[in-house]
Amino acid sequence: MKRICALSFVIVLVAAAFASTDSASETEAVKEAIVEGYIEGIFIKGDPECVKKRWHEECDIVVFRDKKLQKLPASFFVERLEKKSGPPMPDVKVTHEFEDVKVVGNAALAVVKVFFDGKQKYTDFMNLYKFDSGWKIVTKTFYSHF
């Protein structure tokens, strides 16, 4: 009986380790999608292809201004970058920090701080879903620190 209990305990530990590894790899994949499609795609490289790859085409960017909501499609960034690609602010050092990332199944939520020349410019709240092609941003809300 002790051997069965010990074996059951080992199986539970191994299963937990695999689940933890899977969750950690999905968290990293979510971060990669945000860095490629948002931080690099919009701020650092100004590359519309990065944005297309990592933002769902039906994504909404929800802006709260003057006590009203305004929705912008992700194509807003794509169209802007296609008109003028390349680093939009070449003299500004853009960095980021993930405050939190939660992944449950094929859904994720990330809180990202964006800094311009060391000063926090935005706190972004991004929701993502995992599609066959990978993680994609499906909604974004934010707070501007200016």
Protein backbone atom coordinates (compact mmCIF):
# COMPACT_ATOMS: atom_id res chain seq x y z
CA MET A 1 0.00 0.00 0.00
CA LYS A 2 2.85 2.39 0.82
CA ARG A 3 4.35 1.75 -2.64
CA ILE A 4 1.05 2.58 -4.34
CA CYS A 5 0.75 5.82 -2.36
CA ALA A 6 4.37 6.72 -3.12
CA LEU A 7 3.88 5.93 -6.83
CA SER A 8 0.68 8.00 -6.91
CA PHE A 9 2.53 10.90 -5.28
CA VAL A 10 5.32 10.70 -7.88
CA ILE A 11 2.79 10.63 -10.73
CA VAL A 12 1.06 13.72 -9.34
CA LEU A 13 4.42 15.54 -9.04
CA VAL A 14 5.41 14.67 -12.61
CA ALA A 15 2.01 15.76 -13.94
CA ALA A 16 2.27 19.06 -12.04
CA ALA A 17 5.77 19.63 -13.42
CA PHE A 18 4.56 19.10 -17.00
CA ALA A 19 1.56 21.38 -16.46
CA SER A 20 3.81 24.06 -14.98
CA THR A 21 6.24 23.81 -17.90
CA ASP A 22 3.39 24.04 -20.40
CA SER A 23 1.98 27.08 -18.62
CA ALA A 24 5.41 28.72 -18.48
CA SER A 25 5.98 28.14 -22.20
CA GLU A 26 2.55 29.56 -23.04
CA THR A 27 3.27 32.61 -20.87
CA GLU A 28 6.51 33.14 -22.80
CA ALA A 29 4.65 32.73 -26.10
CA VAL A 30 2.14 35.40 -25.03
CA LYS A 31 4.97 37.76 -24.10
CA GLU A 32 6.67 37.09 -27.44
CA ALA A 33 3.47 37.93 -29.33
CA ILE A 34 3.15 41.24 -27.49
CA VAL A 35 6.80 42.17 -27.92
CA GLU A 36 6.82 41.32 -31.62
CA GLY A 37 3.44 42.75 -32.57
CA TYR A 38 3.23 45.71 -30.25
CA ILE A 39 6.52 46.87 -28.74
CA GLU A 40 8.69 46.14 -31.78
CA GLY A 41 5.99 46.25 -34.46
CA ILE A 42 4.58 49.64 -33.50
CA PHE A 43 7.17 51.50 -31.41
CA ILE A 44 10.64 50.18 -32.27
CA LYS A 45 10.60 48.86 -35.86
CA GLY A 46 7.40 50.41 -37.16
CA ASP A 47 6.74 47.22 -39.14
CA PRO A 48 3.16 46.65 -40.35
CA GLU A 49 3.89 42.95 -41.02
CA CYS A 50 4.69 42.37 -37.33
CA VAL A 51 1.41 44.02 -36.42
CA LYS A 52 -0.56 41.93 -38.94
CA LYS A 53 1.01 38.75 -37.61
CA ARG A 54 0.28 39.38 -33.92
CA TRP A 55 -2.96 41.41 -33.85
CA HIS A 56 -6.21 39.73 -34.85
CA GLU A 57 -7.75 41.57 -37.80
CA GLU A 58 -10.97 42.07 -35.80
CA CYS A 59 -9.14 43.39 -32.74
CA ASP A 60 -10.50 46.47 -31.00
CA ILE A 61 -8.34 49.07 -29.32
CA VAL A 62 -10.66 50.69 -26.81
CA VAL A 63 -9.90 54.32 -25.99
CA PHE A 64 -11.53 56.07 -23.03
CA ARG A 65 -11.40 59.81 -23.66
CA ASP A 66 -13.65 62.59 -22.40
CA LYS A 67 -15.74 60.02 -20.49
CA LYS A 68 -16.60 58.25 -23.76
CA LEU A 69 -15.46 55.04 -25.36
CA GLN A 70 -14.01 55.01 -28.84
CA LYS A 71 -13.02 51.81 -30.65
CA LEU A 72 -10.20 51.70 -33.14
CA PRO A 73 -9.53 48.61 -35.25
CA ALA A 74 -6.03 47.10 -35.27
CA SER A 75 -5.92 48.09 -38.94
CA PHE A 76 -5.45 51.67 -37.64
CA PHE A 77 -1.84 50.78 -36.77
CA VAL A 78 -1.31 48.78 -39.96
CA GLU A 79 -2.57 51.56 -42.24
CA ARG A 80 -0.51 54.17 -40.40
CA LEU A 81 2.65 52.05 -40.64
CA GLU A 82 2.07 51.15 -44.29
CA LYS A 83 2.00 54.87 -45.12
CA LYS A 84 5.23 55.47 -43.24
CA SER A 85 7.07 52.36 -42.10
CA GLY A 86 10.21 52.38 -40.04
CA PRO A 87 10.88 53.49 -36.49
CA PRO A 88 8.23 56.11 -35.69
CA MET A 89 10.37 57.75 -33.00
CA PRO A 90 14.01 56.98 -33.81
CA ASP A 91 15.34 59.29 -31.10
CA VAL A 92 13.22 57.75 -28.32
CA LYS A 93 14.33 54.65 -26.41
CA VAL A 94 11.25 52.46 -25.93
CA THR A 95 11.35 49.77 -23.25
CA HIS A 96 8.70 47.64 -21.59
CA GLU A 97 7.99 45.59 -18.51
CA PHE A 98 5.43 42.85 -18.04
CA GLU A 99 3.63 43.53 -14.78
CA ASP A 100 1.52 40.39 -15.06
CA VAL A 101 0.58 37.65 -17.53
CA LYS A 102 -2.18 35.11 -16.92
CA VAL A 103 -2.84 32.20 -19.25
CA VAL A 104 -5.80 29.85 -18.93
CA GLY A 105 -6.25 27.41 -21.79
CA ASN A 106 -6.36 29.40 -25.03
CA ALA A 107 -7.03 32.78 -23.36
CA ALA A 108 -4.53 35.23 -21.86
CA LEU A 109 -4.41 38.62 -20.19
CA ALA A 110 -1.25 40.72 -19.97
CA VAL A 111 -0.50 43.97 -18.19
CA VAL A 112 2.38 45.77 -19.90
CA LYS A 113 4.15 48.96 -18.90
CA VAL A 114 5.67 50.95 -21.78
CA PHE A 115 8.43 53.48 -21.17
CA PHE A 116 9.74 56.26 -23.44
CA ASP A 117 13.26 57.31 -22.47
CA GLY A 118 12.79 55.73 -19.04
CA LYS A 119 9.49 57.45 -18.26
CA GLN A 120 6.32 55.40 -18.14
CA LYS A 121 4.08 56.39 -21.01
CA TYR A 122 1.40 53.66 -20.98
CA THR A 123 -0.04 50.85 -18.93
CA ASP A 124 -1.63 48.46 -21.41
CA PHE A 125 -4.17 45.73 -20.70
CA MET A 126 -4.10 43.21 -23.52
CA ASN A 127 -6.32 40.20 -24.07
CA LEU A 128 -5.11 37.45 -26.36
CA TYR A 129 -6.43 34.19 -27.77
CA LYS A 130 -4.39 31.32 -29.10
CA PHE A 131 -5.25 30.50 -32.72
CA ASP A 132 -3.76 27.81 -34.99
CA SER A 133 -1.27 30.48 -36.10
CA GLY A 134 -0.33 31.35 -32.50
CA TRP A 135 -1.22 33.97 -29.90
CA LYS A 136 -2.93 37.11 -31.19
CA ILE A 137 -3.98 40.30 -29.46
CA VAL A 138 -7.78 40.59 -29.61
CA THR A 139 -8.46 43.64 -27.40
CA LYS A 140 -6.39 46.41 -25.86
CA THR A 141 -7.27 49.04 -23.30
CA PHE A 142 -4.75 51.37 -21.74
CA TYR A 143 -3.96 54.22 -19.43
CA SER A 144 -1.78 57.09 -20.66
CA HIS A 145 0.66 58.49 -18.11
CA PHE A 146 0.89 61.98 -19.57
